[in-house]
Amino acid sequence: MSSLAPSRPPGQRLCLGIMQPYFFPYLGYFELIHRTDRWVVFDIVAYRRKSWMNRNRILHPEEGWQYVSIPVERRAGGTIREARIKDRQATRDRVLGQLEHYRRHAPYFGAVRELVADAFDRCGDDSLVGLNVYTLATVCRYLGIHFDYAICSELDLELPPIEHPGQWAVEICDRLGATDYLNPPGGREIFRLEEFASRGIELHIQNPPPFRYSCGKRPFIENLSILDVLMWNSPERVMERIEV
């Protein structure tokens, strides 16, 4: 993990990505990581229950999709960094159990099951942020994506009062010396271009093309967890799509 020091050689550009830590997120999240130089795990705002931070979607054993989720303990008004997993071992076993129906059909079941178990086993405590960082790191390692990250709450950034949601990215980029900021299309409306321009930061919106793949006899469902993508596709094919 990098300290994300704000200094950089003159003339060198630095593209930053800043997002909340999601649980085995969709493919587009990893495309963002791949296209940025450094990543900030954004954990200093209030935790929202029933968000992508503690759940995602995989195929249901029979039809459609189901949630795979992480029970979380939190205090009212607590931040993301304060969220704790309820019974990590029991959660690990349940998540692995929900993946079992892939065993008979998905060609990469064994590898995916191993990386899920590895993420839980490497997480040294009950921190939701810690677990989700390991889910990101294990997938990036499996795909060969460079993941240079820092956890925002550990950077000791001196940020001014934030007046609107889009200002977080501007201020963090400014403190860390970023010249470029990359964001998915879902957050486009919260940003004010003039704020980025005034700091010499270029805002980029990444809108990846759809990725359809065969799910055996099951119909394809768009934007499921990266776990579903990896069940049916080799790392090489996934990276071919990411690098389009």
Foldseek 3Di string as FASTA:
>chain_A
DDLLAQDDPPPDAFEEEEDAQFALFFLVVVLQQQPGPEYEHEWFFFDDPPDRLFWFWDAALPADIDILGFDWDDDVRDILQRIFTDPLVVSLVVSLVRLVSLVVFFPCSVVLSVQSNVLSVPQPHGRSSSSSVSNSVSVCVQLVGDHHYDYVVPNPDDFDDDDFVQVVVLRVCLNSNHQEYEEEPVCVVRHDQVSCVVSNHHYHYDYADWDDDDRDPYDDDGGGRVSNVVRHDHSVVSVVRSVD
